[in-house]
Amino acid sequence: DNFLPQLVASAEAAVKELRRRGVCDERVGVGGHSYGGFMAANLLAHSDTFRVGVGRSGAYNRLLTPFGFQSEERTLWEAPDAYLAMSPFMHADKIQRPLLLIHGEADNNPGTFPMQSERFYQALKGLGKECRLVLLPLEAHSYAAKENVLHMLCEIDDWLQTHLVPKPAPEAAGSDASAREPAKVEEVEAK
């Protein structure tokens, strides 16, 4: 019953320590796969520590896992308040940061069917939140096909580049024009 306060306190302490050591500034993202995706979504819903999130193959609505999950052994009917409180889906209205959701289209893990990401995405979109859903064809809970793994990595990189990396400042008027010329690319014919 203390999951959310502990999760938020731990994440905030970790980021505070990283800042103290000079490892990061305020541009910090959070992400995870499966239970980590669930935790990342909860952190976006219950904390303002992170600027962006990535959730992969997560379980965002705990009402869809009514017979327990992770170390929660009580059923939904024994602890409905805990299930509601721990479901990022139920707190989608509180998410103020961009969230990328990625899910294997053939995920057969009983707690993380693709419907988890699809419904969470629909809730976020319906609330006007910035989000993106990527479904990887023929992938189960863990992604295996080289093309899909590369696609996932590209999506995450694009998302983080868009939402974390500062945009270059416009160049001052009268600066050296040659410095603004694009790099020349040579085409090499494959042999």
N, C-alpha and C. Protein backbone atom coordinates (compact mmCIF):
# COMPACT_ATOMS: atom_id res chain seq x y z
N ASP A 1 0.81 -1.21 0.00
CA ASP A 1 0.00 0.00 0.00
C ASP A 1 0.85 1.27 0.00
N ASN A 2 2.16 1.11 0.11
CA ASN A 2 3.08 2.26 0.08
C ASN A 2 3.87 2.35 -1.22
N PHE A 3 3.44 1.60 -2.21
CA PHE A 3 4.19 1.52 -3.46
C PHE A 3 4.45 2.89 -4.08
N LEU A 4 3.39 3.68 -4.29
CA LEU A 4 3.58 4.95 -5.00
C LEU A 4 4.47 5.93 -4.25
N PRO A 5 4.23 6.16 -2.94
CA PRO A 5 5.15 7.08 -2.25
C PRO A 5 6.60 6.60 -2.27
N GLN A 6 6.80 5.29 -2.14
CA GLN A 6 8.17 4.75 -2.17
C GLN A 6 8.79 4.90 -3.56
N LEU A 7 8.00 4.62 -4.59
CA LEU A 7 8.48 4.74 -5.96
C LEU A 7 8.91 6.18 -6.26
N VAL A 8 8.06 7.13 -5.94
CA VAL A 8 8.36 8.54 -6.20
C VAL A 8 9.55 9.00 -5.38
N ALA A 9 9.59 8.65 -4.10
CA ALA A 9 10.70 9.07 -3.24
C ALA A 9 12.03 8.50 -3.75
N SER A 10 12.02 7.25 -4.15
CA SER A 10 13.26 6.62 -4.65
C SER A 10 13.73 7.29 -5.93
N ALA A 11 12.82 7.53 -6.86
CA ALA A 11 13.19 8.16 -8.13
C ALA A 11 13.69 9.58 -7.91
N GLU A 12 13.00 10.32 -7.07
CA GLU A 12 13.43 11.70 -6.81
C GLU A 12 14.79 11.74 -6.14
N ALA A 13 15.05 10.80 -5.22
CA ALA A 13 16.35 10.75 -4.55
C ALA A 13 17.45 10.41 -5.55
N ALA A 14 17.18 9.48 -6.46
CA ALA A 14 18.18 9.10 -7.45
C ALA A 14 18.52 10.27 -8.37
N VAL A 15 17.50 10.97 -8.85
CA VAL A 15 17.74 12.11 -9.74
C VAL A 15 18.45 13.24 -8.99
N LYS A 16 18.07 13.48 -7.76
CA LYS A 16 18.73 14.51 -6.95
C LYS A 16 20.22 14.20 -6.81
N GLU A 17 20.55 12.94 -6.57
CA GLU A 17 21.96 12.55 -6.43
C GLU A 17 22.70 12.70 -7.76
N LEU A 18 22.06 12.33 -8.86
CA LEU A 18 22.69 12.51 -10.17
C LEU A 18 22.98 13.98 -10.44
N ARG A 19 22.04 14.85 -10.07
CA ARG A 19 22.26 16.29 -10.25
C ARG A 19 23.39 16.78 -9.36
N ARG A 20 23.41 16.31 -8.11
CA ARG A 20 24.47 16.71 -7.18
C ARG A 20 25.84 16.34 -7.73
N ARG A 21 25.94 15.20 -8.38
CA ARG A 21 27.21 14.74 -8.95
C ARG A 21 27.51 15.38 -10.30
N GLY A 22 26.59 16.17 -10.82
CA GLY A 22 26.81 16.82 -12.10
C GLY A 22 26.60 15.92 -13.30
N VAL A 23 25.94 14.80 -13.10
CA VAL A 23 25.71 13.85 -14.19
C VAL A 23 24.59 14.31 -15.11
N CYS A 24 23.62 15.02 -14.56
CA CYS A 24 22.49 15.46 -15.38
C CYS A 24 22.00 16.82 -14.92
N ASP A 25 21.17 17.42 -15.74
CA ASP A 25 20.50 18.65 -15.37
C ASP A 25 19.02 18.32 -15.20
N GLU A 26 18.14 19.26 -15.52
CA GLU A 26 16.70 19.02 -15.34
C GLU A 26 16.10 18.18 -16.46
N ARG A 27 16.87 17.90 -17.49
CA ARG A 27 16.38 17.11 -18.64
C ARG A 27 16.60 15.63 -18.39
N VAL A 28 15.67 15.02 -17.67
CA VAL A 28 15.78 13.61 -17.32
C VAL A 28 14.51 12.90 -17.79
N GLY A 29 14.71 11.77 -18.43
CA GLY A 29 13.58 10.95 -18.85
C GLY A 29 13.54 9.68 -18.03
N VAL A 30 12.41 8.98 -18.13
CA VAL A 30 12.24 7.72 -17.41
C VAL A 30 11.63 6.70 -18.37
N GLY A 31 12.07 5.47 -18.25
CA GLY A 31 11.52 4.44 -19.12
C GLY A 31 11.73 3.07 -18.52
N GLY A 32 11.01 2.11 -19.07
CA GLY A 32 11.18 0.75 -18.61
C GLY A 32 10.35 -0.21 -19.44
N HIS A 33 10.64 -1.49 -19.25
CA HIS A 33 9.95 -2.57 -19.96
C HIS A 33 9.16 -3.39 -18.95
N SER A 34 7.94 -3.75 -19.29
CA SER A 34 7.08 -4.59 -18.47
C SER A 34 6.77 -3.86 -17.15
N TYR A 35 7.22 -4.40 -16.03
CA TYR A 35 6.96 -3.72 -14.75
C TYR A 35 7.64 -2.35 -14.73
N GLY A 36 8.77 -2.24 -15.42
CA GLY A 36 9.46 -0.95 -15.53
C GLY A 36 8.65 0.07 -16.31
N GLY A 37 7.92 -0.38 -17.34
CA GLY A 37 7.03 0.52 -18.08
C GLY A 37 5.89 0.99 -17.20
N PHE A 38 5.34 0.09 -16.41
CA PHE A 38 4.29 0.42 -15.44
C PHE A 38 4.81 1.45 -14.43
N MET A 39 6.05 1.26 -13.94
CA MET A 39 6.62 2.21 -12.99
C MET A 39 6.89 3.56 -13.64
N ALA A 40 7.39 3.55 -14.89
CA ALA A 40 7.65 4.82 -15.59
C ALA A 40 6.37 5.62 -15.75
N ALA A 41 5.28 4.96 -16.13
CA ALA A 41 3.99 5.65 -16.28
C ALA A 41 3.50 6.19 -14.95
N ASN A 42 3.69 5.43 -13.89
CA ASN A 42 3.29 5.91 -12.56
C ASN A 42 4.12 7.12 -12.14
N LEU A 43 5.41 7.11 -12.47
CA LEU A 43 6.24 8.27 -12.13
C LEU A 43 5.79 9.52 -12.87
N LEU A 44 5.38 9.37 -14.12
CA LEU A 44 4.89 10.54 -14.86
C LEU A 44 3.56 11.03 -14.27
N ALA A 45 2.76 10.11 -13.75
CA ALA A 45 1.45 10.48 -13.19
C ALA A 45 1.56 11.09 -11.80
N HIS A 46 2.58 10.73 -11.05
CA HIS A 46 2.64 11.12 -9.63
C HIS A 46 3.86 11.95 -9.26
N SER A 47 4.62 12.42 -10.25
CA SER A 47 5.82 13.20 -9.98
C SER A 47 6.08 14.12 -11.16
N ASP A 48 6.75 15.22 -10.90
CA ASP A 48 7.15 16.11 -12.00
C ASP A 48 8.66 16.07 -12.21
N THR A 49 9.29 15.01 -11.76
CA THR A 49 10.74 14.85 -11.83
C THR A 49 11.24 14.63 -13.25
N PHE A 50 10.43 14.00 -14.09
CA PHE A 50 10.87 13.60 -15.42
C PHE A 50 10.20 14.42 -16.51
N ARG A 51 10.96 14.70 -17.58
CA ARG A 51 10.43 15.48 -18.70
C ARG A 51 9.75 14.64 -19.76
N VAL A 52 10.04 13.36 -19.78
CA VAL A 52 9.55 12.49 -20.84
C VAL A 52 9.57 11.05 -20.33
N GLY A 53 8.72 10.22 -20.92
CA GLY A 53 8.70 8.82 -20.52
C GLY A 53 8.58 7.87 -21.70
N VAL A 54 9.05 6.64 -21.47
CA VAL A 54 8.93 5.56 -22.44
C VAL A 54 8.47 4.33 -21.67
N GLY A 55 7.34 3.76 -22.08
CA GLY A 55 6.84 2.54 -21.47
C GLY A 55 6.76 1.44 -22.52
N ARG A 56 7.43 0.33 -22.24
CA ARG A 56 7.44 -0.78 -23.19
C ARG A 56 6.74 -1.99 -22.58
N SER A 57 5.71 -2.48 -23.27
CA SER A 57 5.00 -3.70 -22.89
C SER A 57 4.60 -3.71 -21.42
N GLY A 58 4.02 -2.61 -20.98
CA GLY A 58 3.63 -2.50 -19.57
C GLY A 58 2.18 -2.87 -19.31
N ALA A 59 1.87 -3.00 -18.02
CA ALA A 59 0.49 -3.23 -17.55
C ALA A 59 0.05 -1.94 -16.87
N TYR A 60 -0.75 -1.17 -17.54
CA TYR A 60 -1.10 0.17 -17.06
C TYR A 60 -2.43 0.23 -16.34
N ASN A 61 -3.24 -0.80 -16.50
CA ASN A 61 -4.54 -0.87 -15.82
C ASN A 61 -4.56 -2.14 -14.99
N ARG A 62 -4.32 -2.02 -13.70
CA ARG A 62 -4.23 -3.18 -12.82
C ARG A 62 -5.58 -3.87 -12.62
N LEU A 63 -6.67 -3.23 -13.02
CA LEU A 63 -7.96 -3.89 -12.94
C LEU A 63 -8.00 -5.07 -13.91
N LEU A 64 -7.12 -5.08 -14.90
CA LEU A 64 -7.06 -6.16 -15.88
C LEU A 64 -6.15 -7.30 -15.40
N THR A 65 -5.56 -7.16 -14.22
CA THR A 65 -4.76 -8.23 -13.61
C THR A 65 -5.32 -8.49 -12.21
N PRO A 66 -6.58 -8.94 -12.11
CA PRO A 66 -7.31 -8.95 -10.84
C PRO A 66 -6.86 -9.98 -9.81
N PHE A 67 -6.00 -10.89 -10.17
CA PHE A 67 -5.61 -11.92 -9.21
C PHE A 67 -4.19 -11.75 -8.70
N GLY A 68 -3.72 -10.52 -8.68
CA GLY A 68 -2.40 -10.22 -8.16
C GLY A 68 -1.40 -9.95 -9.26
N PHE A 69 -0.28 -9.36 -8.86
CA PHE A 69 0.82 -9.03 -9.77
C PHE A 69 2.04 -8.74 -8.92
N GLN A 70 3.21 -9.05 -9.47
CA GLN A 70 4.48 -8.85 -8.76
C GLN A 70 4.34 -9.38 -7.32
N SER A 71 4.52 -8.53 -6.31
CA SER A 71 4.41 -9.00 -4.92
C SER A 71 3.03 -8.73 -4.32
N GLU A 72 2.10 -8.22 -5.12
CA GLU A 72 0.72 -8.01 -4.64
C GLU A 72 -0.02 -9.34 -4.73
N GLU A 73 -0.28 -9.94 -3.58
CA GLU A 73 -0.94 -11.24 -3.55
C GLU A 73 -2.44 -11.14 -3.35
N ARG A 74 -2.92 -9.96 -2.94
CA ARG A 74 -4.36 -9.79 -2.74
C ARG A 74 -5.04 -9.66 -4.10
N THR A 75 -6.28 -10.08 -4.17
CA THR A 75 -7.04 -9.94 -5.41
C THR A 75 -7.63 -8.53 -5.49
N LEU A 76 -8.11 -8.20 -6.65
CA LEU A 76 -8.78 -6.92 -6.86
C LEU A 76 -9.93 -6.74 -5.88
N TRP A 77 -10.65 -7.82 -5.57
CA TRP A 77 -11.82 -7.73 -4.70
C TRP A 77 -11.44 -7.61 -3.24
N GLU A 78 -10.22 -8.02 -2.92
CA GLU A 78 -9.73 -7.86 -1.54
C GLU A 78 -9.09 -6.49 -1.30
N ALA A 79 -8.56 -5.90 -2.35
CA ALA A 79 -7.84 -4.62 -2.20
C ALA A 79 -8.13 -3.69 -3.38
N PRO A 80 -9.39 -3.35 -3.62
CA PRO A 80 -9.71 -2.52 -4.80
C PRO A 80 -9.01 -1.16 -4.79
N ASP A 81 -8.85 -0.55 -3.63
CA ASP A 81 -8.20 0.76 -3.57
C ASP A 81 -6.74 0.69 -4.02
N ALA A 82 -6.06 -0.40 -3.66
CA ALA A 82 -4.66 -0.55 -4.07
C ALA A 82 -4.57 -0.71 -5.58
N TYR A 83 -5.46 -1.49 -6.17
CA TYR A 83 -5.44 -1.69 -7.62
C TYR A 83 -5.73 -0.37 -8.35
N LEU A 84 -6.68 0.38 -7.86
CA LEU A 84 -7.01 1.67 -8.49
C LEU A 84 -5.85 2.66 -8.35
N ALA A 85 -5.28 2.73 -7.15
CA ALA A 85 -4.20 3.69 -6.90
C ALA A 85 -2.97 3.38 -7.74
N MET A 86 -2.69 2.09 -7.96
CA MET A 86 -1.46 1.70 -8.65
C MET A 86 -1.62 1.65 -10.16
N SER A 87 -2.78 1.96 -10.69
CA SER A 87 -3.02 1.91 -12.13
C SER A 87 -2.77 3.26 -12.79
N PRO A 88 -1.70 3.40 -13.56
CA PRO A 88 -1.47 4.67 -14.25
C PRO A 88 -2.66 5.06 -15.13
N PHE A 89 -3.35 4.08 -15.67
CA PHE A 89 -4.54 4.33 -16.48
C PHE A 89 -5.55 5.19 -15.72
N MET A 90 -5.71 4.93 -14.44
CA MET A 90 -6.67 5.67 -13.63
C MET A 90 -6.19 7.08 -13.31
N HIS A 91 -4.94 7.36 -13.59
CA HIS A 91 -4.36 8.68 -13.31
C HIS A 91 -3.85 9.34 -14.59
N ALA A 92 -4.36 8.91 -15.73
CA ALA A 92 -3.91 9.45 -17.01
C ALA A 92 -4.10 10.97 -17.08
N ASP A 93 -5.11 11.46 -16.41
CA ASP A 93 -5.37 12.90 -16.42
C ASP A 93 -4.26 13.71 -15.74
N LYS A 94 -3.47 13.07 -14.90
CA LYS A 94 -2.39 13.75 -14.18
C LYS A 94 -1.08 13.78 -14.96
N ILE A 95 -0.99 13.00 -16.01
CA ILE A 95 0.26 12.94 -16.78
C ILE A 95 0.40 14.20 -17.62
N GLN A 96 1.46 14.95 -17.37
CA GLN A 96 1.69 16.21 -18.06
C GLN A 96 2.89 16.17 -19.00
N ARG A 97 3.57 15.04 -19.07
CA ARG A 97 4.78 14.93 -19.89
C ARG A 97 4.54 13.94 -21.03
N PRO A 98 5.27 14.09 -22.13
CA PRO A 98 5.11 13.18 -23.28
C PRO A 98 5.45 11.74 -22.92
N LEU A 99 4.65 10.81 -23.42
CA LEU A 99 4.86 9.39 -23.14
C LEU A 99 4.80 8.58 -24.42
N LEU A 100 5.88 7.84 -24.67
CA LEU A 100 5.95 6.91 -25.80
C LEU A 100 5.63 5.51 -25.27
N LEU A 101 4.66 4.86 -25.90
CA LEU A 101 4.29 3.49 -25.54
C LEU A 101 4.67 2.57 -26.69
N ILE A 102 5.38 1.50 -26.37
CA ILE A 102 5.78 0.49 -27.36
C ILE A 102 5.31 -0.86 -26.84
N HIS A 103 4.75 -1.67 -27.73
CA HIS A 103 4.24 -2.97 -27.27
C HIS A 103 4.35 -3.98 -28.40
N GLY A 104 4.70 -5.21 -28.05
CA GLY A 104 4.69 -6.31 -29.01
C GLY A 104 3.25 -6.68 -29.33
N GLU A 105 2.93 -6.71 -30.60
CA GLU A 105 1.56 -6.97 -31.04
C GLU A 105 1.08 -8.37 -30.65
N ALA A 106 2.00 -9.29 -30.44
CA ALA A 106 1.65 -10.67 -30.09
C ALA A 106 2.02 -11.00 -28.64
N ASP A 107 2.06 -9.98 -27.78
CA ASP A 107 2.41 -10.19 -26.37
C ASP A 107 1.40 -11.15 -25.74
N ASN A 108 1.89 -12.29 -25.29
CA ASN A 108 1.00 -13.28 -24.68
C ASN A 108 1.22 -13.42 -23.18
N ASN A 109 1.94 -12.49 -22.59
CA ASN A 109 2.10 -12.46 -21.15
C ASN A 109 0.74 -12.09 -20.56
N PRO A 110 0.18 -12.89 -19.65
CA PRO A 110 -1.19 -12.65 -19.19
C PRO A 110 -1.45 -11.27 -18.57
N GLY A 111 -0.43 -10.62 -18.05
CA GLY A 111 -0.65 -9.31 -17.45
C GLY A 111 -0.42 -8.15 -18.41
N THR A 112 0.17 -8.44 -19.56
CA THR A 112 0.56 -7.34 -20.45
C THR A 112 0.10 -7.54 -21.88
N PHE A 113 -1.11 -7.99 -22.05
CA PHE A 113 -1.65 -8.09 -23.41
C PHE A 113 -1.56 -6.70 -24.06
N PRO A 114 -1.44 -6.63 -25.38
CA PRO A 114 -1.32 -5.33 -26.07
C PRO A 114 -2.44 -4.36 -25.73
N MET A 115 -3.60 -4.89 -25.35
CA MET A 115 -4.72 -4.03 -24.97
C MET A 115 -4.32 -3.04 -23.87
N GLN A 116 -3.38 -3.42 -23.02
CA GLN A 116 -2.94 -2.52 -21.94
C GLN A 116 -2.43 -1.20 -22.53
N SER A 117 -1.53 -1.29 -23.51
CA SER A 117 -0.98 -0.07 -24.12
C SER A 117 -2.01 0.63 -25.01
N GLU A 118 -2.80 -0.16 -25.73
CA GLU A 118 -3.80 0.44 -26.63
C GLU A 118 -4.82 1.28 -25.85
N ARG A 119 -5.32 0.75 -24.76
CA ARG A 119 -6.33 1.49 -23.97
C ARG A 119 -5.71 2.69 -23.25
N PHE A 120 -4.49 2.51 -22.76
CA PHE A 120 -3.81 3.62 -22.09
C PHE A 120 -3.57 4.75 -23.08
N TYR A 121 -3.13 4.39 -24.27
CA TYR A 121 -2.92 5.38 -25.33
C TYR A 121 -4.23 6.11 -25.63
N GLN A 122 -5.33 5.36 -25.78
CA GLN A 122 -6.62 5.99 -26.07
C GLN A 122 -7.04 6.95 -24.95
N ALA A 123 -6.78 6.56 -23.72
CA ALA A 123 -7.11 7.45 -22.59
C ALA A 123 -6.28 8.73 -22.65
N LEU A 124 -4.98 8.57 -22.87
CA LEU A 124 -4.10 9.74 -22.93
C LEU A 124 -4.49 10.66 -24.09
N LYS A 125 -4.70 10.09 -25.27
CA LYS A 125 -5.09 10.89 -26.43
C LYS A 125 -6.42 11.59 -26.18
N GLY A 126 -7.37 10.85 -25.61
CA GLY A 126 -8.68 11.43 -25.32
C GLY A 126 -8.60 12.61 -24.36
N LEU A 127 -7.59 12.59 -23.51
CA LEU A 127 -7.38 13.68 -22.55
C LEU A 127 -6.49 14.79 -23.12
N GLY A 128 -6.10 14.64 -24.39
CA GLY A 128 -5.27 15.67 -25.03
C GLY A 128 -3.81 15.62 -24.65
N LYS A 129 -3.33 14.48 -24.17
CA LYS A 129 -1.93 14.35 -23.75
C LYS A 129 -1.04 14.03 -24.95
N GLU A 130 0.23 14.40 -24.85
CA GLU A 130 1.18 14.08 -25.91
C GLU A 130 1.69 12.66 -25.71
N CYS A 131 1.37 11.81 -26.66
CA CYS A 131 1.77 10.41 -26.56
C CYS A 131 1.86 9.80 -27.95
N ARG A 132 2.51 8.65 -28.00
CA ARG A 132 2.65 7.91 -29.25
C ARG A 132 2.60 6.43 -28.90
N LEU A 133 1.93 5.66 -29.74
CA LEU A 133 1.85 4.21 -29.56
C LEU A 133 2.49 3.53 -30.76
N VAL A 134 3.43 2.63 -30.48
CA VAL A 134 4.08 1.85 -31.53
C VAL A 134 3.83 0.38 -31.21
N LEU A 135 3.18 -0.33 -32.13
CA LEU A 135 2.96 -1.76 -31.99
C LEU A 135 3.92 -2.49 -32.92
N LEU A 136 4.70 -3.40 -32.35
CA LEU A 136 5.69 -4.14 -33.12
C LEU A 136 5.08 -5.45 -33.61
N PRO A 137 4.99 -5.63 -34.93
CA PRO A 137 4.33 -6.82 -35.48
C PRO A 137 5.04 -8.12 -35.10
N LEU A 138 4.24 -9.12 -34.78
CA LEU A 138 4.70 -10.48 -34.50
C LEU A 138 5.62 -10.60 -33.29
N GLU A 139 5.68 -9.58 -32.47
CA GLU A 139 6.56 -9.64 -31.29
C GLU A 139 5.77 -10.01 -30.04
N ALA A 140 6.37 -10.83 -29.20
CA ALA A 140 5.78 -11.22 -27.93
C ALA A 140 6.21 -10.21 -26.86
N HIS A 141 6.30 -10.65 -25.61
CA HIS A 141 6.62 -9.73 -24.52
C HIS A 141 8.05 -9.21 -24.62
N SER A 142 8.96 -10.06 -25.07
CA SER A 142 10.34 -9.64 -25.32
C SER A 142 10.53 -9.59 -26.83
N TYR A 143 11.10 -8.52 -27.32
CA TYR A 143 11.24 -8.33 -28.76
C TYR A 143 12.47 -9.07 -29.26
N ALA A 144 12.33 -9.76 -30.40
CA ALA A 144 13.42 -10.59 -30.89
C ALA A 144 13.88 -10.26 -32.31
N ALA A 145 12.97 -9.91 -33.19
CA ALA A 145 13.35 -9.66 -34.59
C ALA A 145 14.25 -8.42 -34.68
N LYS A 146 15.35 -8.58 -35.39
CA LYS A 146 16.32 -7.49 -35.53
C LYS A 146 15.66 -6.20 -36.01
N GLU A 147 14.76 -6.33 -36.99
CA GLU A 147 14.10 -5.15 -37.55
C GLU A 147 13.27 -4.44 -36.48
N ASN A 148 12.56 -5.19 -35.65
CA ASN A 148 11.73 -4.59 -34.61
C ASN A 148 12.56 -3.99 -33.48
N VAL A 149 13.66 -4.65 -33.13
CA VAL A 149 14.54 -4.10 -32.10
C VAL A 149 15.12 -2.78 -32.59
N LEU A 150 15.56 -2.74 -33.84
CA LEU A 150 16.10 -1.49 -34.40
C LEU A 150 15.01 -0.42 -34.50
N HIS A 151 13.81 -0.82 -34.88
CA HIS A 151 12.68 0.12 -34.95
C HIS A 151 12.41 0.70 -33.56
N MET A 152 12.38 -0.17 -32.54
CA MET A 152 12.16 0.30 -31.17
C MET A 152 13.23 1.30 -30.75
N LEU A 153 14.48 0.96 -31.00
CA LEU A 153 15.57 1.86 -30.61
C LEU A 153 15.48 3.19 -31.35
N CYS A 154 15.12 3.16 -32.62
CA CYS A 154 14.95 4.39 -33.40
C CYS A 154 13.82 5.23 -32.83
N GLU A 155 12.70 4.60 -32.51
CA GLU A 155 11.56 5.33 -31.93
C GLU A 155 11.95 6.00 -30.61
N ILE A 156 12.65 5.26 -29.77
CA ILE A 156 13.06 5.82 -28.47
C ILE A 156 14.03 6.97 -28.68
N ASP A 157 15.00 6.79 -29.57
CA ASP A 157 15.97 7.85 -29.84
C ASP A 157 15.27 9.10 -30.37
N ASP A 158 14.37 8.92 -31.33
CA ASP A 158 13.63 10.07 -31.87
C ASP A 158 12.84 10.78 -30.77
N TRP A 159 12.19 10.00 -29.91
CA TRP A 159 11.37 10.56 -28.83
C TRP A 159 12.22 11.38 -27.87
N LEU A 160 13.35 10.82 -27.48
CA LEU A 160 14.23 11.52 -26.54
C LEU A 160 14.89 12.73 -27.20
N GLN A 161 15.29 12.60 -28.46
CA GLN A 161 15.86 13.75 -29.17
C GLN A 161 14.85 14.89 -29.24
N THR A 162 13.60 14.54 -29.49
CA THR A 162 12.55 15.54 -29.62
C THR A 162 12.24 16.22 -28.28
N HIS A 163 12.24 15.45 -27.20
CA HIS A 163 11.73 15.97 -25.93
C HIS A 163 12.79 16.28 -24.87
N LEU A 164 14.04 15.86 -25.10
CA LEU A 164 15.07 16.12 -24.09
C LEU A 164 16.23 16.97 -24.58
N VAL A 165 16.59 16.81 -25.84
CA VAL A 165 17.77 17.50 -26.35
C VAL A 165 17.40 18.94 -26.70
N PRO A 166 18.16 19.90 -26.19
CA PRO A 166 17.85 21.30 -26.49
C PRO A 166 18.00 21.60 -27.98
N LYS A 167 17.15 22.45 -28.47
CA LYS A 167 17.22 22.87 -29.87
C LYS A 167 18.35 23.87 -30.02
N PRO A 168 19.08 23.81 -31.15
CA PRO A 168 20.17 24.78 -31.34
C PRO A 168 19.62 26.20 -31.45
N ALA A 169 20.37 27.13 -30.91
CA ALA A 169 19.96 28.53 -30.96
C ALA A 169 20.08 29.03 -32.39
N PRO A 170 19.16 29.89 -32.81
CA PRO A 170 19.27 30.46 -34.16
C PRO A 170 20.59 31.22 -34.29
N GLU A 171 21.19 31.12 -35.45
CA GLU A 171 22.48 31.78 -35.64
C GLU A 171 22.30 33.29 -35.70
N ALA A 172 23.29 33.97 -35.20
CA ALA A 172 23.24 35.44 -35.20
C ALA A 172 23.38 35.97 -36.63
N ALA A 173 22.73 37.07 -36.91
CA ALA A 173 22.80 37.68 -38.25
C ALA A 173 24.24 38.08 -38.55
N GLY A 174 24.64 37.88 -39.79
CA GLY A 174 25.97 38.29 -40.21
C GLY A 174 27.06 37.29 -39.88
N SER A 175 26.70 36.10 -39.39
CA SER A 175 27.75 35.12 -39.09
C SER A 175 28.27 34.52 -40.39
N ASP A 176 29.36 33.84 -40.32
CA ASP A 176 30.01 33.27 -41.49
C ASP A 176 29.08 32.28 -42.18
N ALA A 177 28.70 32.55 -43.43
CA ALA A 177 27.75 31.72 -44.17
C ALA A 177 28.29 30.32 -44.41
N SER A 178 29.60 30.19 -44.57
CA SER A 178 30.15 28.86 -44.84
C SER A 178 29.95 27.92 -43.66
N ALA A 179 29.83 28.46 -42.48
CA ALA A 179 29.62 27.62 -41.31
C ALA A 179 28.23 27.01 -41.32
N ARG A 180 27.32 27.58 -42.13
CA ARG A 180 25.95 27.07 -42.16
C ARG A 180 25.70 26.11 -43.31
N GLU A 181 26.69 25.92 -44.17
CA GLU A 181 26.48 25.02 -45.30
C GLU A 181 26.35 23.59 -44.80
N PRO A 182 25.44 22.84 -45.40
CA PRO A 182 25.30 21.44 -44.96
C PRO A 182 26.54 20.64 -45.34
N ALA A 183 26.78 19.61 -44.59
CA ALA A 183 27.91 18.73 -44.89
C ALA A 183 27.67 18.05 -46.22
N LYS A 184 28.74 17.83 -46.95
CA LYS A 184 28.63 17.14 -48.25
C LYS A 184 28.67 15.65 -48.00
N VAL A 185 27.77 14.95 -48.66
CA VAL A 185 27.70 13.49 -48.52
C VAL A 185 28.06 12.88 -49.86
N GLU A 186 29.01 11.99 -49.84
CA GLU A 186 29.39 11.29 -51.06
C GLU A 186 28.64 9.97 -51.12
N GLU A 187 28.08 9.71 -52.28
CA GLU A 187 27.41 8.43 -52.47
C GLU A 187 28.45 7.42 -52.92
N VAL A 188 28.42 6.27 -52.28
CA VAL A 188 29.37 5.21 -52.62
C VAL A 188 28.56 4.05 -53.17
N GLU A 189 28.94 3.62 -54.35
CA GLU A 189 28.22 2.51 -54.97
C GLU A 189 28.67 1.19 -54.33
N ALA A 190 27.70 0.39 -53.96
CA ALA A 190 28.01 -0.91 -53.36
C ALA A 190 28.62 -1.81 -54.41
N LYS A 191 29.64 -2.55 -54.03
CA LYS A 191 30.31 -3.44 -54.99
C LYS A 191 29.98 -4.87 -54.66
